[in-house]
Amino acid sequence: MGENFFFWIGFSTLLVHEMDAVRLNEWRILPFLSRLDDRRGFVVFTLAHIPLYAFLFIGLSSGIASGGKSTLILWLDWFMVIHVGLHFLLRNLPLNEFKSVFSWVIIMGAGAAGGIDIILFYG
């Protein structure tokens, strides 16, 4: 098994979750973006992922991630775990559309993989 195998599974799952988030209008439950109409919310939410993904991909492919024990990987692992809690806390908001088993498997899968990576690789 490669270094940080569970991180890469969790990170991939997190990216799939972001695809699901666009489908489910996640901007409607986010501070600031919730004030926008759906057309603008979709555009801003989607475009905001370009610099975010660029930062993550550059960080993960550069020297930051060399040697396996990357600070960025550890931060993302923790984000994946905390992200589950955020979705749990926000699950009853009226505009929250993350109700399906599919969405929750993706959310929980990312969190579980991040948690496993923390335990196995950093613990």
PDB file of N, CA and C in Angstrom:
ATOM      1  N   MET A   1       0.851  -1.181   0.000  1.00  0.00           N
ATOM      2  CA  MET A   1       0.000   0.000   0.000  1.00  0.00           C
ATOM      3  C   MET A   1       0.890   1.236   0.000  1.00  0.00           C
ATOM      4  N   GLY A   2       0.600   2.211  -0.850  1.00  0.00           N
ATOM      5  CA  GLY A   2       1.400   3.417  -0.961  1.00  0.00           C
ATOM      6  C   GLY A   2       1.252   4.330   0.235  1.00  0.00           C
ATOM      7  N   GLU A   3       2.195   5.252   0.345  1.00  0.00           N
ATOM      8  CA  GLU A   3       2.121   6.237   1.418  1.00  0.00           C
ATOM      9  C   GLU A   3       0.840   7.047   1.297  1.00  0.00           C
ATOM     10  N   ASN A   4       0.212   7.250   2.425  1.00  0.00           N
ATOM     11  CA  ASN A   4      -1.012   8.049   2.503  1.00  0.00           C
ATOM     12  C   ASN A   4      -2.128   7.534   1.592  1.00  0.00           C
ATOM     13  N   PHE A   5      -2.200   6.229   1.414  1.00  0.00           N
ATOM     14  CA  PHE A   5      -3.246   5.639   0.578  1.00  0.00           C
ATOM     15  C   PHE A   5      -4.620   6.150   0.980  1.00  0.00           C
ATOM     16  N   PHE A   6      -4.897   6.149   2.286  1.00  0.00           N
ATOM     17  CA  PHE A   6      -6.218   6.570   2.747  1.00  0.00           C
ATOM     18  C   PHE A   6      -6.444   8.063   2.528  1.00  0.00           C
ATOM     19  N   PHE A   7      -5.362   8.849   2.600  1.00  0.00           N
ATOM     20  CA  PHE A   7      -5.511  10.271   2.272  1.00  0.00           C
ATOM     21  C   PHE A   7      -6.007  10.420   0.843  1.00  0.00           C
ATOM     22  N   TRP A   8      -5.379   9.719  -0.087  1.00  0.00           N
ATOM     23  CA  TRP A   8      -5.738   9.871  -1.506  1.00  0.00           C
ATOM     24  C   TRP A   8      -7.161   9.397  -1.769  1.00  0.00           C
ATOM     25  N   ILE A   9      -7.601   8.354  -1.074  1.00  0.00           N
ATOM     26  CA  ILE A   9      -8.998   7.923  -1.195  1.00  0.00           C
ATOM     27  C   ILE A   9      -9.909   9.017  -0.643  1.00  0.00           C
ATOM     28  N   GLY A  10      -9.586   9.546   0.525  1.00  0.00           N
ATOM     29  CA  GLY A  10     -10.393  10.608   1.125  1.00  0.00           C
ATOM     30  C   GLY A  10     -10.408  11.871   0.295  1.00  0.00           C
ATOM     31  N   PHE A  11      -9.252  12.258  -0.223  1.00  0.00           N
ATOM     32  CA  PHE A  11      -9.169  13.464  -1.042  1.00  0.00           C
ATOM     33  C   PHE A  11      -9.997  13.310  -2.313  1.00  0.00           C
ATOM     34  N   SER A  12      -9.898  12.158  -2.950  1.00  0.00           N
ATOM     35  CA  SER A  12     -10.710  11.899  -4.149  1.00  0.00           C
ATOM     36  C   SER A  12     -12.195  11.945  -3.815  1.00  0.00           C
ATOM     37  N   THR A  13     -12.554  11.372  -2.680  1.00  0.00           N
ATOM     38  CA  THR A  13     -13.951  11.384  -2.245  1.00  0.00           C
ATOM     39  C   THR A  13     -14.416  12.803  -1.944  1.00  0.00           C
ATOM     40  N   LEU A  14     -13.529  13.600  -1.348  1.00  0.00           N
ATOM     41  CA  LEU A  14     -13.864  14.999  -1.073  1.00  0.00           C
ATOM     42  C   LEU A  14     -14.118  15.770  -2.377  1.00  0.00           C
ATOM     43  N   LEU A  15     -13.315  15.517  -3.398  1.00  0.00           N
ATOM     44  CA  LEU A  15     -13.538  16.173  -4.692  1.00  0.00           C
ATOM     45  C   LEU A  15     -14.872  15.740  -5.309  1.00  0.00           C
ATOM     46  N   VAL A  16     -15.225  14.467  -5.163  1.00  0.00           N
ATOM     47  CA  VAL A  16     -16.526  14.003  -5.652  1.00  0.00           C
ATOM     48  C   VAL A  16     -17.638  14.684  -4.858  1.00  0.00           C
ATOM     49  N   HIS A  17     -17.418  14.852  -3.558  1.00  0.00           N
ATOM     50  CA  HIS A  17     -18.403  15.569  -2.738  1.00  0.00           C
ATOM     51  C   HIS A  17     -18.601  16.997  -3.254  1.00  0.00           C
ATOM     52  N   GLU A  18     -17.537  17.647  -3.667  1.00  0.00           N
ATOM     53  CA  GLU A  18     -17.675  19.011  -4.192  1.00  0.00           C
ATOM     54  C   GLU A  18     -18.482  19.023  -5.488  1.00  0.00           C
ATOM     55  N   MET A  19     -18.355  17.976  -6.291  1.00  0.00           N
ATOM     56  CA  MET A  19     -19.206  17.859  -7.480  1.00  0.00           C
ATOM     57  C   MET A  19     -20.666  17.724  -7.058  1.00  0.00           C
ATOM     58  N   ASP A  20     -20.902  16.914  -6.041  1.00  0.00           N
ATOM     59  CA  ASP A  20     -22.246  16.733  -5.503  1.00  0.00           C
ATOM     60  C   ASP A  20     -22.759  18.044  -4.903  1.00  0.00           C
ATOM     61  N   ALA A  21     -21.861  18.812  -4.291  1.00  0.00           N
ATOM     62  CA  ALA A  21     -22.231  20.096  -3.678  1.00  0.00           C
ATOM     63  C   ALA A  21     -22.724  21.092  -4.722  1.00  0.00           C
ATOM     64  N   VAL A  22     -22.124  21.066  -5.900  1.00  0.00           N
ATOM     65  CA  VAL A  22     -22.615  21.933  -6.981  1.00  0.00           C
ATOM     66  C   VAL A  22     -24.011  21.487  -7.388  1.00  0.00           C
ATOM     67  N   ARG A  23     -24.195  20.188  -7.526  1.00  0.00           N
ATOM     68  CA  ARG A  23     -25.503  19.640  -7.912  1.00  0.00           C
ATOM     69  C   ARG A  23     -26.580  19.996  -6.886  1.00  0.00           C
ATOM     70  N   LEU A  24     -26.188  20.048  -5.611  1.00  0.00           N
ATOM     71  CA  LEU A  24     -27.154  20.259  -4.531  1.00  0.00           C
ATOM     72  C   LEU A  24     -27.166  21.691  -3.998  1.00  0.00           C
ATOM     73  N   ASN A  25     -26.619  22.611  -4.776  1.00  0.00           N
ATOM     74  CA  ASN A  25     -26.719  24.041  -4.444  1.00  0.00           C
ATOM     75  C   ASN A  25     -26.176  24.386  -3.063  1.00  0.00           C
ATOM     76  N   GLU A  26     -24.997  23.903  -2.750  1.00  0.00           N
ATOM     77  CA  GLU A  26     -24.447  24.107  -1.401  1.00  0.00           C
ATOM     78  C   GLU A  26     -24.257  25.578  -1.049  1.00  0.00           C
ATOM     79  N   TRP A  27     -24.105  26.431  -2.044  1.00  0.00           N
ATOM     80  CA  TRP A  27     -23.931  27.860  -1.761  1.00  0.00           C
ATOM     81  C   TRP A  27     -25.106  28.428  -0.982  1.00  0.00           C
ATOM     82  N   ARG A  28     -26.260  27.790  -1.082  1.00  0.00           N
ATOM     83  CA  ARG A  28     -27.455  28.279  -0.379  1.00  0.00           C
ATOM     84  C   ARG A  28     -27.328  28.222   1.143  1.00  0.00           C
ATOM     85  N   ILE A  29     -26.424  27.376   1.641  1.00  0.00           N
ATOM     86  CA  ILE A  29     -26.283  27.246   3.096  1.00  0.00           C
ATOM     87  C   ILE A  29     -24.971  27.849   3.611  1.00  0.00           C
ATOM     88  N   LEU A  30     -24.203  28.459   2.726  1.00  0.00           N
ATOM     89  CA  LEU A  30     -22.927  29.058   3.135  1.00  0.00           C
ATOM     90  C   LEU A  30     -23.089  30.546   3.418  1.00  0.00           C
ATOM     91  N   PRO A  31     -22.429  31.031   4.485  1.00  0.00           N
ATOM     92  CA  PRO A  31     -22.487  32.476   4.759  1.00  0.00           C
ATOM     93  C   PRO A  31     -22.028  33.260   3.529  1.00  0.00           C
ATOM     94  N   PHE A  32     -22.574  34.396   3.326  1.00  0.00           N
ATOM     95  CA  PHE A  32     -22.284  35.311   2.210  1.00  0.00           C
ATOM     96  C   PHE A  32     -22.853  34.813   0.882  1.00  0.00           C
ATOM     97  N   LEU A  33     -22.534  33.577   0.498  1.00  0.00           N
ATOM     98  CA  LEU A  33     -23.042  33.063  -0.778  1.00  0.00           C
ATOM     99  C   LEU A  33     -24.545  32.829  -0.735  1.00  0.00           C
ATOM    100  N   SER A  34     -25.084  32.566   0.442  1.00  0.00           N
ATOM    101  CA  SER A  34     -26.525  32.309   0.553  1.00  0.00           C
ATOM    102  C   SER A  34     -27.354  33.543   0.198  1.00  0.00           C
ATOM    103  N   ARG A  35     -26.724  34.696   0.199  1.00  0.00           N
ATOM    104  CA  ARG A  35     -27.436  35.935  -0.153  1.00  0.00           C
ATOM    105  C   ARG A  35     -27.589  36.116  -1.663  1.00  0.00           C
ATOM    106  N   LEU A  36     -26.846  35.314  -2.424  1.00  0.00           N
ATOM    107  CA  LEU A  36     -26.875  35.444  -3.882  1.00  0.00           C
ATOM    108  C   LEU A  36     -28.029  34.635  -4.471  1.00  0.00           C
ATOM    109  N   ASP A  37     -28.534  35.097  -5.621  1.00  0.00           N
ATOM    110  CA  ASP A  37     -29.519  34.280  -6.322  1.00  0.00           C
ATOM    111  C   ASP A  37     -28.806  33.032  -6.846  1.00  0.00           C
ATOM    112  N   ASP A  38     -29.579  32.032  -7.260  1.00  0.00           N
ATOM    113  CA  ASP A  38     -28.977  30.756  -7.652  1.00  0.00           C
ATOM    114  C   ASP A  38     -27.992  30.873  -8.812  1.00  0.00           C
ATOM    115  N   ARG A  39     -28.285  31.713  -9.783  1.00  0.00           N
ATOM    116  CA  ARG A  39     -27.378  31.847 -10.925  1.00  0.00           C
ATOM    117  C   ARG A  39     -26.023  32.365 -10.456  1.00  0.00           C
ATOM    118  N   ARG A  40     -26.034  33.440  -9.689  1.00  0.00           N
ATOM    119  CA  ARG A  40     -24.777  34.009  -9.197  1.00  0.00           C
ATOM    120  C   ARG A  40     -24.110  33.089  -8.171  1.00  0.00           C
ATOM    121  N   GLY A  41     -24.900  32.489  -7.309  1.00  0.00           N
ATOM    122  CA  GLY A  41     -24.357  31.564  -6.316  1.00  0.00           C
ATOM    123  C   GLY A  41     -23.623  30.409  -6.970  1.00  0.00           C
ATOM    124  N   PHE A  42     -24.237  29.831  -7.997  1.00  0.00           N
ATOM    125  CA  PHE A  42     -23.602  28.740  -8.738  1.00  0.00           C
ATOM    126  C   PHE A  42     -22.274  29.191  -9.336  1.00  0.00           C
ATOM    127  N   VAL A  43     -22.271  30.348  -9.995  1.00  0.00           N
ATOM    128  CA  VAL A  43     -21.062  30.840 -10.653  1.00  0.00           C
ATOM    129  C   VAL A  43     -19.962  31.106  -9.632  1.00  0.00           C
ATOM    130  N   VAL A  44     -20.279  31.831  -8.570  1.00  0.00           N
ATOM    131  CA  VAL A  44     -19.263  32.175  -7.575  1.00  0.00           C
ATOM    132  C   VAL A  44     -18.751  30.911  -6.874  1.00  0.00           C
ATOM    133  N   PHE A  45     -19.659  30.048  -6.454  1.00  0.00           N
ATOM    134  CA  PHE A  45     -19.279  28.814  -5.767  1.00  0.00           C
ATOM    135  C   PHE A  45     -18.384  27.956  -6.663  1.00  0.00           C
ATOM    136  N   THR A  46     -18.770  27.806  -7.910  1.00  0.00           N
ATOM    137  CA  THR A  46     -18.007  26.971  -8.833  1.00  0.00           C
ATOM    138  C   THR A  46     -16.654  27.590  -9.146  1.00  0.00           C
ATOM    139  N   LEU A  47     -16.631  28.877  -9.466  1.00  0.00           N
ATOM    140  CA  LEU A  47     -15.366  29.532  -9.796  1.00  0.00           C
ATOM    141  C   LEU A  47     -14.413  29.584  -8.605  1.00  0.00           C
ATOM    142  N   ALA A  48     -14.940  29.663  -7.395  1.00  0.00           N
ATOM    143  CA  ALA A  48     -14.079  29.693  -6.207  1.00  0.00           C
ATOM    144  C   ALA A  48     -13.267  28.405  -6.071  1.00  0.00           C
ATOM    145  N   HIS A  49     -13.740  27.337  -6.677  1.00  0.00           N
ATOM    146  CA  HIS A  49     -13.012  26.079  -6.604  1.00  0.00           C
ATOM    147  C   HIS A  49     -11.774  26.068  -7.506  1.00  0.00           C
ATOM    148  N   ILE A  50     -11.682  26.939  -8.484  1.00  0.00           N
ATOM    149  CA  ILE A  50     -10.501  26.951  -9.362  1.00  0.00           C
ATOM    150  C   ILE A  50      -9.243  27.303  -8.570  1.00  0.00           C
ATOM    151  N   PRO A  51      -9.190  28.455  -7.875  1.00  0.00           N
ATOM    152  CA  PRO A  51      -7.962  28.731  -7.111  1.00  0.00           C
ATOM    153  C   PRO A  51      -7.774  27.749  -5.948  1.00  0.00           C
ATOM    154  N   LEU A  52      -8.868  27.301  -5.349  1.00  0.00           N
ATOM    155  CA  LEU A  52      -8.758  26.335  -4.264  1.00  0.00           C
ATOM    156  C   LEU A  52      -8.111  25.044  -4.760  1.00  0.00           C
ATOM    157  N   TYR A  53      -8.611  24.499  -5.857  1.00  0.00           N
ATOM    158  CA  TYR A  53      -8.037  23.272  -6.412  1.00  0.00           C
ATOM    159  C   TYR A  53      -6.604  23.507  -6.877  1.00  0.00           C
ATOM    160  N   ALA A  54      -6.334  24.647  -7.502  1.00  0.00           N
ATOM    161  CA  ALA A  54      -4.965  24.937  -7.953  1.00  0.00           C
ATOM    162  C   ALA A  54      -4.009  24.926  -6.762  1.00  0.00           C
ATOM    163  N   PHE A  55      -4.385  25.603  -5.685  1.00  0.00           N
ATOM    164  CA  PHE A  55      -3.546  25.629  -4.482  1.00  0.00           C
ATOM    165  C   PHE A  55      -3.316  24.209  -3.975  1.00  0.00           C
ATOM    166  N   LEU A  56      -4.370  23.422  -3.884  1.00  0.00           N
ATOM    167  CA  LEU A  56      -4.248  22.063  -3.362  1.00  0.00           C
ATOM    168  C   LEU A  56      -3.397  21.182  -4.272  1.00  0.00           C
ATOM    169  N   PHE A  57      -3.651  21.230  -5.573  1.00  0.00           N
ATOM    170  CA  PHE A  57      -2.888  20.385  -6.490  1.00  0.00           C
ATOM    171  C   PHE A  57      -1.419  20.788  -6.539  1.00  0.00           C
ATOM    172  N   ILE A  58      -1.157  22.082  -6.558  1.00  0.00           N
ATOM    173  CA  ILE A  58       0.238  22.546  -6.555  1.00  0.00           C
ATOM    174  C   ILE A  58       0.912  22.154  -5.249  1.00  0.00           C
ATOM    175  N   GLY A  59       0.222  22.390  -4.141  1.00  0.00           N
ATOM    176  CA  GLY A  59       0.786  22.037  -2.843  1.00  0.00           C
ATOM    177  C   GLY A  59       1.060  20.558  -2.699  1.00  0.00           C
ATOM    178  N   LEU A  60       0.141  19.742  -3.177  1.00  0.00           N
ATOM    179  CA  LEU A  60       0.309  18.308  -3.054  1.00  0.00           C
ATOM    180  C   LEU A  60       1.348  17.756  -4.012  1.00  0.00           C
ATOM    181  N   SER A  61       1.569  18.416  -5.127  1.00  0.00           N
ATOM    182  CA  SER A  61       2.532  17.908  -6.101  1.00  0.00           C
ATOM    183  C   SER A  61       3.918  18.522  -5.938  1.00  0.00           C
ATOM    184  N   SER A  62       4.053  19.532  -5.110  1.00  0.00           N
ATOM    185  CA  SER A  62       5.349  20.192  -4.929  1.00  0.00           C
ATOM    186  C   SER A  62       6.098  19.596  -3.750  1.00  0.00           C
ATOM    187  N   GLY A  63       7.117  20.262  -3.354  1.00  0.00           N
ATOM    188  CA  GLY A  63       7.936  19.822  -2.243  1.00  0.00           C
ATOM    189  C   GLY A  63       7.180  19.743  -0.938  1.00  0.00           C
ATOM    190  N   ILE A  64       6.044  20.435  -0.829  1.00  0.00           N
ATOM    191  CA  ILE A  64       5.255  20.384   0.407  1.00  0.00           C
ATOM    192  C   ILE A  64       4.874  18.943   0.708  1.00  0.00           C
ATOM    193  N   ALA A  65       4.547  18.192  -0.329  1.00  0.00           N
ATOM    194  CA  ALA A  65       4.085  16.821  -0.125  1.00  0.00           C
ATOM    195  C   ALA A  65       5.199  15.798  -0.288  1.00  0.00           C
ATOM    196  N   SER A  66       6.410  16.221  -0.552  1.00  0.00           N
ATOM    197  CA  SER A  66       7.484  15.242  -0.742  1.00  0.00           C
ATOM    198  C   SER A  66       7.803  14.574   0.586  1.00  0.00           C
ATOM    199  N   GLY A  67       8.126  13.329   0.514  1.00  0.00           N
ATOM    200  CA  GLY A  67       8.463  12.588   1.716  1.00  0.00           C
ATOM    201  C   GLY A  67       7.256  12.016   2.435  1.00  0.00           C
ATOM    202  N   GLY A  68       6.058  12.260   1.952  1.00  0.00           N
ATOM    203  CA  GLY A  68       4.871  11.649   2.527  1.00  0.00           C
ATOM    204  C   GLY A  68       4.280  12.390   3.707  1.00  0.00           C
ATOM    205  N   LYS A  69       5.072  12.738   4.719  1.00  0.00           N
ATOM    206  CA  LYS A  69       4.536  13.386   5.919  1.00  0.00           C
ATOM    207  C   LYS A  69       4.376  14.874   5.673  1.00  0.00           C
ATOM    208  N   SER A  70       3.396  15.197   4.933  1.00  0.00           N
ATOM    209  CA  SER A  70       3.132  16.571   4.529  1.00  0.00           C
ATOM    210  C   SER A  70       2.207  17.264   5.514  1.00  0.00           C
ATOM    211  N   THR A  71       2.535  18.506   5.833  1.00  0.00           N
ATOM    212  CA  THR A  71       1.642  19.311   6.668  1.00  0.00           C
ATOM    213  C   THR A  71       0.313  19.532   5.958  1.00  0.00           C
ATOM    214  N   LEU A  72       0.355  19.764   4.646  1.00  0.00           N
ATOM    215  CA  LEU A  72      -0.873  19.969   3.886  1.00  0.00           C
ATOM    216  C   LEU A  72      -1.755  18.725   3.936  1.00  0.00           C
ATOM    217  N   ILE A  73      -1.145  17.562   3.800  1.00  0.00           N
ATOM    218  CA  ILE A  73      -1.930  16.321   3.872  1.00  0.00           C
ATOM    219  C   ILE A  73      -2.569  16.186   5.251  1.00  0.00           C
ATOM    220  N   LEU A  74      -1.810  16.461   6.291  1.00  0.00           N
ATOM    221  CA  LEU A  74      -2.362  16.362   7.640  1.00  0.00           C
ATOM    222  C   LEU A  74      -3.517  17.343   7.841  1.00  0.00           C
ATOM    223  N   TRP A  75      -3.355  18.577   7.378  1.00  0.00           N
ATOM    224  CA  TRP A  75      -4.441  19.564   7.482  1.00  0.00           C
ATOM    225  C   TRP A  75      -5.682  19.096   6.725  1.00  0.00           C
ATOM    226  N   LEU A  76      -5.475  18.557   5.534  1.00  0.00           N
ATOM    227  CA  LEU A  76      -6.620  18.072   4.754  1.00  0.00           C
ATOM    228  C   LEU A  76      -7.274  16.862   5.405  1.00  0.00           C
ATOM    229  N   ASP A  77      -6.454  15.975   5.988  1.00  0.00           N
ATOM    230  CA  ASP A  77      -7.028  14.854   6.732  1.00  0.00           C
ATOM    231  C   ASP A  77      -7.952  15.369   7.830  1.00  0.00           C
ATOM    232  N   TRP A  78      -7.465  16.337   8.614  1.00  0.00           N
ATOM    233  CA  TRP A  78      -8.279  16.900   9.691  1.00  0.00           C
ATOM    234  C   TRP A  78      -9.511  17.611   9.142  1.00  0.00           C
ATOM    235  N   PHE A  79      -9.356  18.315   8.021  1.00  0.00           N
ATOM    236  CA  PHE A  79     -10.517  18.972   7.406  1.00  0.00           C
ATOM    237  C   PHE A  79     -11.577  17.939   7.046  1.00  0.00           C
ATOM    238  N   MET A  80     -11.159  16.813   6.468  1.00  0.00           N
ATOM    239  CA  MET A  80     -12.120  15.783   6.076  1.00  0.00           C
ATOM    240  C   MET A  80     -12.895  15.265   7.289  1.00  0.00           C
ATOM    241  N   VAL A  81     -12.204  15.106   8.414  1.00  0.00           N
ATOM    242  CA  VAL A  81     -12.858  14.640   9.640  1.00  0.00           C
ATOM    243  C   VAL A  81     -13.828  15.707  10.159  1.00  0.00           C
ATOM    244  N   ILE A  82     -13.359  16.949  10.264  1.00  0.00           N
ATOM    245  CA  ILE A  82     -14.184  18.053  10.774  1.00  0.00           C
ATOM    246  C   ILE A  82     -15.354  18.336   9.841  1.00  0.00           C
ATOM    247  N   HIS A  83     -15.134  18.176   8.555  1.00  0.00           N
ATOM    248  CA  HIS A  83     -16.157  18.414   7.534  1.00  0.00           C
ATOM    249  C   HIS A  83     -17.393  17.547   7.770  1.00  0.00           C
ATOM    250  N   VAL A  84     -17.183  16.308   8.218  1.00  0.00           N
ATOM    251  CA  VAL A  84     -18.315  15.432   8.558  1.00  0.00           C
ATOM    252  C   VAL A  84     -19.149  16.086   9.658  1.00  0.00           C
ATOM    253  N   GLY A  85     -18.483  16.598  10.679  1.00  0.00           N
ATOM    254  CA  GLY A  85     -19.178  17.249  11.776  1.00  0.00           C
ATOM    255  C   GLY A  85     -19.949  18.478  11.335  1.00  0.00           C
ATOM    256  N   LEU A  86     -19.362  19.245  10.431  1.00  0.00           N
ATOM    257  CA  LEU A  86     -20.059  20.431   9.919  1.00  0.00           C
ATOM    258  C   LEU A  86     -21.343  20.040   9.195  1.00  0.00           C
ATOM    259  N   HIS A  87     -21.249  19.020   8.361  1.00  0.00           N
ATOM    260  CA  HIS A  87     -22.453  18.572   7.658  1.00  0.00           C
ATOM    261  C   HIS A  87     -23.489  18.025   8.631  1.00  0.00           C
ATOM    262  N   PHE A  88     -23.023  17.344   9.667  1.00  0.00           N
ATOM    263  CA  PHE A  88     -23.954  16.831  10.667  1.00  0.00           C
ATOM    264  C   PHE A  88     -24.668  17.986  11.373  1.00  0.00           C
ATOM    265  N   LEU A  89     -23.913  19.018  11.760  1.00  0.00           N
ATOM    266  CA  LEU A  89     -24.506  20.159  12.454  1.00  0.00           C
ATOM    267  C   LEU A  89     -25.492  20.928  11.574  1.00  0.00           C
ATOM    268  N   LEU A  90     -25.229  20.983  10.267  1.00  0.00           N
ATOM    269  CA  LEU A  90     -26.060  21.763   9.346  1.00  0.00           C
ATOM    270  C   LEU A  90     -27.141  20.918   8.662  1.00  0.00           C
ATOM    271  N   ARG A  91     -27.268  19.664   9.038  1.00  0.00           N
ATOM    272  CA  ARG A  91     -28.151  18.739   8.309  1.00  0.00           C
ATOM    273  C   ARG A  91     -29.615  19.140   8.308  1.00  0.00           C
ATOM    274  N   ASN A  92     -30.058  19.893   9.298  1.00  0.00           N
ATOM    275  CA  ASN A  92     -31.479  20.246   9.393  1.00  0.00           C
ATOM    276  C   ASN A  92     -31.809  21.627   8.835  1.00  0.00           C
ATOM    277  N   LEU A  93     -30.832  22.308   8.265  1.00  0.00           N
ATOM    278  CA  LEU A  93     -31.138  23.603   7.651  1.00  0.00           C
ATOM    279  C   LEU A  93     -32.130  23.390   6.512  1.00  0.00           C
ATOM    280  N   PRO A  94     -33.111  24.260   6.384  1.00  0.00           N
ATOM    281  CA  PRO A  94     -34.148  24.066   5.353  1.00  0.00           C
ATOM    282  C   PRO A  94     -33.595  23.976   3.924  1.00  0.00           C
ATOM    283  N   LEU A  95     -32.530  24.700   3.616  1.00  0.00           N
ATOM    284  CA  LEU A  95     -32.003  24.693   2.253  1.00  0.00           C
ATOM    285  C   LEU A  95     -30.890  23.665   2.037  1.00  0.00           C
ATOM    286  N   ASN A  96     -30.598  22.875   3.056  1.00  0.00           N
ATOM    287  CA  ASN A  96     -29.575  21.839   2.933  1.00  0.00           C
ATOM    288  C   ASN A  96     -30.162  20.663   2.165  1.00  0.00           C
ATOM    289  N   GLU A  97     -29.589  20.363   1.014  1.00  0.00           N
ATOM    290  CA  GLU A  97     -30.112  19.292   0.165  1.00  0.00           C
ATOM    291  C   GLU A  97     -29.302  17.999   0.266  1.00  0.00           C
ATOM    292  N   PHE A  98     -28.353  17.933   1.184  1.00  0.00           N
ATOM    293  CA  PHE A  98     -27.551  16.723   1.362  1.00  0.00           C
ATOM    294  C   PHE A  98     -28.351  15.734   2.211  1.00  0.00           C
ATOM    295  N   LYS A  99     -29.313  15.092   1.607  1.00  0.00           N
ATOM    296  CA  LYS A  99     -30.221  14.187   2.322  1.00  0.00           C
ATOM    297  C   LYS A  99     -30.076  12.733   1.880  1.00  0.00           C
ATOM    298  N   SER A 100     -29.505  12.499   0.716  1.00  0.00           N
ATOM    299  CA  SER A 100     -29.479  11.141   0.172  1.00  0.00           C
ATOM    300  C   SER A 100     -28.383  10.292   0.805  1.00  0.00           C
ATOM    301  N   VAL A 101     -28.568   8.997   0.742  1.00  0.00           N
ATOM    302  CA  VAL A 101     -27.555   8.056   1.192  1.00  0.00           C
ATOM    303  C   VAL A 101     -26.279   8.277   0.390  1.00  0.00           C
ATOM    304  N   PHE A 102     -26.408   8.505  -0.895  1.00  0.00           N
ATOM    305  CA  PHE A 102     -25.250   8.747  -1.762  1.00  0.00           C
ATOM    306  C   PHE A 102     -24.410   9.902  -1.230  1.00  0.00           C
ATOM    307  N   SER A 103     -25.047  11.041  -0.952  1.00  0.00           N
ATOM    308  CA  SER A 103     -24.314  12.208  -0.463  1.00  0.00           C
ATOM    309  C   SER A 103     -23.636  11.916   0.864  1.00  0.00           C
ATOM    310  N   TRP A 104     -24.332  11.231   1.757  1.00  0.00           N
ATOM    311  CA  TRP A 104     -23.767  10.948   3.075  1.00  0.00           C
ATOM    312  C   TRP A 104     -22.657   9.911   3.024  1.00  0.00           C
ATOM    313  N   VAL A 105     -22.743   8.951   2.111  1.00  0.00           N
ATOM    314  CA  VAL A 105     -21.648   7.986   1.951  1.00  0.00           C
ATOM    315  C   VAL A 105     -20.380   8.719   1.509  1.00  0.00           C
ATOM    316  N   ILE A 106     -20.528   9.668   0.600  1.00  0.00           N
ATOM    317  CA  ILE A 106     -19.372  10.436   0.138  1.00  0.00           C
ATOM    318  C   ILE A 106     -18.795  11.271   1.281  1.00  0.00           C
ATOM    319  N   ILE A 107     -19.645  11.981   1.998  1.00  0.00           N
ATOM    320  CA  ILE A 107     -19.194  12.832   3.104  1.00  0.00           C
ATOM    321  C   ILE A 107     -18.516  11.984   4.178  1.00  0.00           C
ATOM    322  N   MET A 108     -19.170  10.924   4.600  1.00  0.00           N
ATOM    323  CA  MET A 108     -18.624  10.059   5.645  1.00  0.00           C
ATOM    324  C   MET A 108     -17.381   9.308   5.172  1.00  0.00           C
ATOM    325  N   GLY A 109     -17.381   8.941   3.907  1.00  0.00           N
ATOM    326  CA  GLY A 109     -16.214   8.237   3.359  1.00  0.00           C
ATOM    327  C   GLY A 109     -14.961   9.086   3.400  1.00  0.00           C
ATOM    328  N   ALA A 110     -15.099  10.348   3.038  1.00  0.00           N
ATOM    329  CA  ALA A 110     -13.942  11.250   3.092  1.00  0.00           C
ATOM    330  C   ALA A 110     -13.464  11.396   4.530  1.00  0.00           C
ATOM    331  N   GLY A 111     -14.389  11.589   5.458  1.00  0.00           N
ATOM    332  CA  GLY A 111     -14.019  11.741   6.859  1.00  0.00           C
ATOM    333  C   GLY A 111     -13.361  10.490   7.424  1.00  0.00           C
ATOM    334  N   ALA A 112     -13.909   9.338   7.104  1.00  0.00           N
ATOM    335  CA  ALA A 112     -13.332   8.080   7.588  1.00  0.00           C
ATOM    336  C   ALA A 112     -11.924   7.875   7.030  1.00  0.00           C
ATOM    337  N   ALA A 113     -11.759   8.129   5.741  1.00  0.00           N
ATOM    338  CA  ALA A 113     -10.440   7.950   5.125  1.00  0.00           C
ATOM    339  C   ALA A 113      -9.420   8.927   5.721  1.00  0.00           C
ATOM    340  N   GLY A 114      -9.842  10.168   5.927  1.00  0.00           N
ATOM    341  CA  GLY A 114      -8.943  11.142   6.557  1.00  0.00           C
ATOM    342  C   GLY A 114      -8.564  10.713   7.962  1.00  0.00           C
ATOM    343  N   GLY A 115      -9.538  10.237   8.722  1.00  0.00           N
ATOM    344  CA  GLY A 115      -9.269   9.769  10.080  1.00  0.00           C
ATOM    345  C   GLY A 115      -8.331   8.576  10.104  1.00  0.00           C
ATOM    346  N   ILE A 116      -8.544   7.638   9.203  1.00  0.00           N
ATOM    347  CA  ILE A 116      -7.659   6.471   9.122  1.00  0.00           C
ATOM    348  C   ILE A 116      -6.237   6.896   8.767  1.00  0.00           C
ATOM    349  N   ASP A 117      -6.109   7.843   7.837  1.00  0.00           N
ATOM    350  CA  ASP A 117      -4.771   8.309   7.463  1.00  0.00           C
ATOM    351  C   ASP A 117      -4.067   8.956   8.656  1.00  0.00           C
ATOM    352  N   ILE A 118      -4.799   9.750   9.418  1.00  0.00           N
ATOM    353  CA  ILE A 118      -4.206  10.378  10.612  1.00  0.00           C
ATOM    354  C   ILE A 118      -3.692   9.306  11.565  1.00  0.00           C
ATOM    355  N   ILE A 119      -4.510   8.305  11.825  1.00  0.00           N
ATOM    356  CA  ILE A 119      -4.131   7.249  12.770  1.00  0.00           C
ATOM    357  C   ILE A 119      -2.940   6.425  12.254  1.00  0.00           C
ATOM    358  N   LEU A 120      -3.017   5.998  11.011  1.00  0.00           N
ATOM    359  CA  LEU A 120      -1.978   5.114  10.471  1.00  0.00           C
ATOM    360  C   LEU A 120      -0.668   5.833  10.171  1.00  0.00           C
ATOM    361  N   PHE A 121      -0.778   7.032   9.643  1.00  0.00           N
ATOM    362  CA  PHE A 121       0.432   7.668   9.117  1.00  0.00           C
ATOM    363  C   PHE A 121       1.020   8.701  10.073  1.00  0.00           C
ATOM    364  N   TYR A 122       0.174   9.328  10.876  1.00  0.00           N
ATOM    365  CA  TYR A 122       0.658  10.384  11.746  1.00  0.00           C
ATOM    366  C   TYR A 122       0.566  10.035  13.225  1.00  0.00           C
ATOM    367  N   GLY A 123      -0.174   8.966  13.537  1.00  0.00           N
ATOM    368  CA  GLY A 123      -0.433   8.602  14.926  1.00  0.00           C
ATOM    369  C   GLY A 123       0.746   8.073  15.694  1.00  0.00           C
TER     370      GLY A 123
END
